[in-house]
């Protein structure tokens, strides 16, 4: 199996901090623990009906650091 491929019926963990190409100094933070339960119809995006778990996406306009505390 290839890395980064989302498989139907398997739990996945995603964490990323990527630049947004259409915004100057813009970044996207995304985090999720999820399992795809059924594939969406062709040409449609994944909706809450298609997965279990959670997914968070947050656009950040300027990078001023990042910290995780426990």
N, C-alpha and C. Protein backbone atom coordinates (compact mmCIF):
# COMPACT_ATOMS: atom_id res chain seq x y z
N UNK A 1 0.84 -1.18 0.00
CA UNK A 1 0.00 0.00 0.00
C UNK A 1 0.88 1.25 0.00
N UNK A 2 0.48 2.26 -0.75
CA UNK A 2 1.23 3.51 -0.83
C UNK A 2 0.94 4.39 0.38
N UNK A 3 1.92 5.19 0.77
CA UNK A 3 1.71 6.16 1.85
C UNK A 3 0.81 7.28 1.35
N UNK A 4 -0.05 7.79 2.23
CA UNK A 4 -0.91 8.91 1.89
C UNK A 4 -2.19 8.54 1.16
N UNK A 5 -2.43 7.26 0.93
CA UNK A 5 -3.64 6.83 0.24
C UNK A 5 -4.72 6.55 1.28
N UNK A 6 -5.89 7.13 1.11
CA UNK A 6 -6.99 6.90 2.04
C UNK A 6 -7.74 5.65 1.60
N UNK A 7 -7.86 4.69 2.53
CA UNK A 7 -8.47 3.39 2.24
C UNK A 7 -9.84 3.32 2.91
N UNK A 8 -10.82 2.82 2.20
CA UNK A 8 -12.17 2.65 2.71
C UNK A 8 -12.17 1.69 3.90
N UNK A 9 -12.80 2.08 5.03
CA UNK A 9 -12.95 1.20 6.19
C UNK A 9 -11.74 1.13 7.11
N UNK A 10 -10.71 1.93 6.92
CA UNK A 10 -9.52 1.91 7.76
C UNK A 10 -9.38 3.26 8.46
N UNK A 11 -8.96 3.26 9.74
CA UNK A 11 -8.76 4.50 10.48
C UNK A 11 -7.50 5.20 10.00
N UNK A 12 -7.57 6.52 9.87
CA UNK A 12 -6.45 7.33 9.39
C UNK A 12 -6.20 8.49 10.35
N UNK A 13 -4.95 8.91 10.43
CA UNK A 13 -4.55 10.09 11.19
C UNK A 13 -3.85 11.04 10.23
N UNK A 14 -4.28 12.29 10.19
CA UNK A 14 -3.66 13.28 9.31
C UNK A 14 -3.34 14.53 10.12
N UNK A 15 -2.15 15.06 9.92
CA UNK A 15 -1.73 16.32 10.53
C UNK A 15 -0.87 17.04 9.52
N UNK A 16 -1.19 18.27 9.22
CA UNK A 16 -0.41 19.00 8.23
C UNK A 16 -0.49 20.50 8.43
N UNK A 17 0.54 21.17 7.98
CA UNK A 17 0.61 22.62 7.99
C UNK A 17 1.19 23.01 6.65
N UNK A 18 0.35 23.48 5.74
CA UNK A 18 0.77 23.70 4.36
C UNK A 18 0.48 25.14 3.92
N UNK A 19 1.31 25.69 3.04
CA UNK A 19 1.05 27.05 2.54
C UNK A 19 -0.16 27.06 1.60
N UNK A 20 -0.89 28.16 1.62
CA UNK A 20 -2.02 28.36 0.71
C UNK A 20 -1.50 29.21 -0.43
N UNK A 21 -1.50 28.67 -1.64
CA UNK A 21 -0.85 29.35 -2.75
C UNK A 21 -1.57 30.62 -3.20
N UNK A 22 -2.88 30.75 -2.92
CA UNK A 22 -3.60 31.95 -3.38
C UNK A 22 -3.59 33.08 -2.34
N UNK A 23 -2.95 32.87 -1.17
CA UNK A 23 -2.87 33.91 -0.14
C UNK A 23 -1.41 34.17 0.20
N UNK A 24 -1.03 35.43 0.23
CA UNK A 24 0.32 35.75 0.67
C UNK A 24 0.39 35.54 2.18
N UNK A 25 1.39 34.82 2.64
CA UNK A 25 1.59 34.49 4.06
C UNK A 25 0.42 33.70 4.64
N UNK A 26 -0.32 32.97 3.81
CA UNK A 26 -1.45 32.18 4.29
C UNK A 26 -1.06 30.71 4.42
N UNK A 27 -1.55 30.06 5.47
CA UNK A 27 -1.27 28.65 5.72
C UNK A 27 -2.56 27.95 6.11
N UNK A 28 -2.59 26.64 5.92
CA UNK A 28 -3.73 25.82 6.29
C UNK A 28 -3.24 24.76 7.26
N UNK A 29 -3.84 24.74 8.44
CA UNK A 29 -3.56 23.70 9.42
C UNK A 29 -4.70 22.70 9.34
N UNK A 30 -4.38 21.44 9.15
CA UNK A 30 -5.45 20.43 9.15
C UNK A 30 -5.04 19.26 10.02
N UNK A 31 -6.04 18.72 10.74
CA UNK A 31 -5.83 17.64 11.69
C UNK A 31 -7.07 16.77 11.69
N UNK A 32 -6.90 15.47 11.67
CA UNK A 32 -8.06 14.60 11.69
C UNK A 32 -7.74 13.17 12.05
N UNK A 33 -8.70 12.53 12.69
CA UNK A 33 -8.70 11.09 12.93
C UNK A 33 -10.05 10.62 12.40
N UNK A 34 -10.02 9.80 11.35
CA UNK A 34 -11.27 9.48 10.67
C UNK A 34 -11.18 8.14 9.95
N UNK A 35 -12.35 7.63 9.58
CA UNK A 35 -12.47 6.41 8.77
C UNK A 35 -13.53 6.68 7.73
N UNK A 36 -13.19 6.48 6.45
CA UNK A 36 -14.15 6.63 5.36
C UNK A 36 -15.07 5.40 5.36
N UNK A 37 -16.38 5.62 5.49
CA UNK A 37 -17.32 4.51 5.54
C UNK A 37 -17.94 4.18 4.19
N UNK A 38 -18.07 5.21 3.33
CA UNK A 38 -18.57 4.97 1.98
C UNK A 38 -18.02 6.06 1.07
N UNK A 39 -17.84 5.74 -0.18
CA UNK A 39 -17.31 6.70 -1.14
C UNK A 39 -18.40 7.67 -1.59
N UNK A 40 -18.06 8.94 -1.75
CA UNK A 40 -19.07 9.89 -2.26
C UNK A 40 -19.36 9.62 -3.73
N UNK A 41 -20.44 10.18 -4.22
CA UNK A 41 -20.76 10.06 -5.64
C UNK A 41 -19.66 10.74 -6.45
N UNK A 42 -19.49 10.29 -7.66
CA UNK A 42 -18.46 10.85 -8.53
C UNK A 42 -18.67 12.35 -8.72
N UNK A 43 -17.61 13.10 -8.54
CA UNK A 43 -17.67 14.55 -8.71
C UNK A 43 -18.10 15.30 -7.46
N UNK A 44 -18.38 14.60 -6.37
CA UNK A 44 -18.81 15.24 -5.12
C UNK A 44 -17.71 15.15 -4.08
N UNK A 45 -17.70 16.10 -3.17
CA UNK A 45 -16.72 16.09 -2.07
C UNK A 45 -17.17 15.15 -0.96
N UNK A 46 -16.26 14.87 -0.04
CA UNK A 46 -16.57 14.01 1.10
C UNK A 46 -17.35 14.83 2.12
N UNK A 47 -18.50 14.31 2.55
CA UNK A 47 -19.34 14.96 3.54
C UNK A 47 -19.32 14.15 4.83
N UNK A 48 -19.93 14.69 5.89
CA UNK A 48 -19.98 14.00 7.19
C UNK A 48 -20.67 12.64 7.08
N UNK A 49 -21.54 12.45 6.12
CA UNK A 49 -22.21 11.15 5.92
C UNK A 49 -21.25 10.09 5.40
N UNK A 50 -20.10 10.50 4.87
CA UNK A 50 -19.16 9.56 4.27
C UNK A 50 -18.06 9.10 5.22
N UNK A 51 -17.97 9.68 6.42
CA UNK A 51 -16.89 9.26 7.33
C UNK A 51 -17.31 9.31 8.79
N UNK A 52 -16.54 8.60 9.64
CA UNK A 52 -16.68 8.65 11.09
C UNK A 52 -15.41 9.25 11.64
N UNK A 53 -15.52 9.96 12.74
CA UNK A 53 -14.36 10.60 13.33
C UNK A 53 -14.50 12.11 13.25
N UNK A 54 -13.36 12.81 13.19
CA UNK A 54 -13.42 14.26 13.07
C UNK A 54 -12.29 14.77 12.19
N UNK A 55 -12.48 15.97 11.70
CA UNK A 55 -11.52 16.61 10.81
C UNK A 55 -11.61 18.11 11.05
N UNK A 56 -10.47 18.75 11.31
CA UNK A 56 -10.42 20.19 11.59
C UNK A 56 -9.51 20.84 10.56
N UNK A 57 -9.98 21.92 9.95
CA UNK A 57 -9.17 22.71 9.02
C UNK A 57 -9.27 24.17 9.43
N UNK A 58 -8.13 24.84 9.55
CA UNK A 58 -8.11 26.23 9.97
C UNK A 58 -7.13 27.00 9.12
N UNK A 59 -7.60 28.08 8.48
CA UNK A 59 -6.71 28.95 7.71
C UNK A 59 -6.05 29.95 8.65
N UNK A 60 -4.75 30.12 8.50
CA UNK A 60 -3.98 31.05 9.32
C UNK A 60 -3.36 32.07 8.37
N UNK A 61 -3.60 33.34 8.62
CA UNK A 61 -3.15 34.38 7.71
C UNK A 61 -1.67 34.72 7.84
N UNK A 62 -1.11 34.60 9.02
CA UNK A 62 0.31 34.88 9.20
C UNK A 62 0.90 33.84 10.12
N UNK A 63 2.11 33.43 9.83
CA UNK A 63 2.80 32.43 10.64
C UNK A 63 3.54 33.14 11.76
N UNK A 64 3.15 32.87 12.99
CA UNK A 64 3.81 33.49 14.14
C UNK A 64 4.25 32.45 15.14
N UNK A 65 4.39 31.22 14.70
CA UNK A 65 4.83 30.16 15.59
C UNK A 65 3.72 29.14 15.84
N UNK A 66 4.11 28.03 16.41
CA UNK A 66 3.17 26.95 16.66
C UNK A 66 3.66 26.18 17.87
N UNK A 67 2.78 25.91 18.83
CA UNK A 67 3.18 25.23 20.04
C UNK A 67 2.11 24.26 20.47
N UNK A 68 2.51 23.07 20.92
CA UNK A 68 1.59 22.09 21.48
C UNK A 68 2.07 21.77 22.88
N UNK A 69 1.21 21.91 23.86
CA UNK A 69 1.55 21.62 25.26
C UNK A 69 0.67 20.51 25.80
N UNK A 70 1.23 19.71 26.67
CA UNK A 70 0.46 18.64 27.33
C UNK A 70 0.43 18.88 28.82
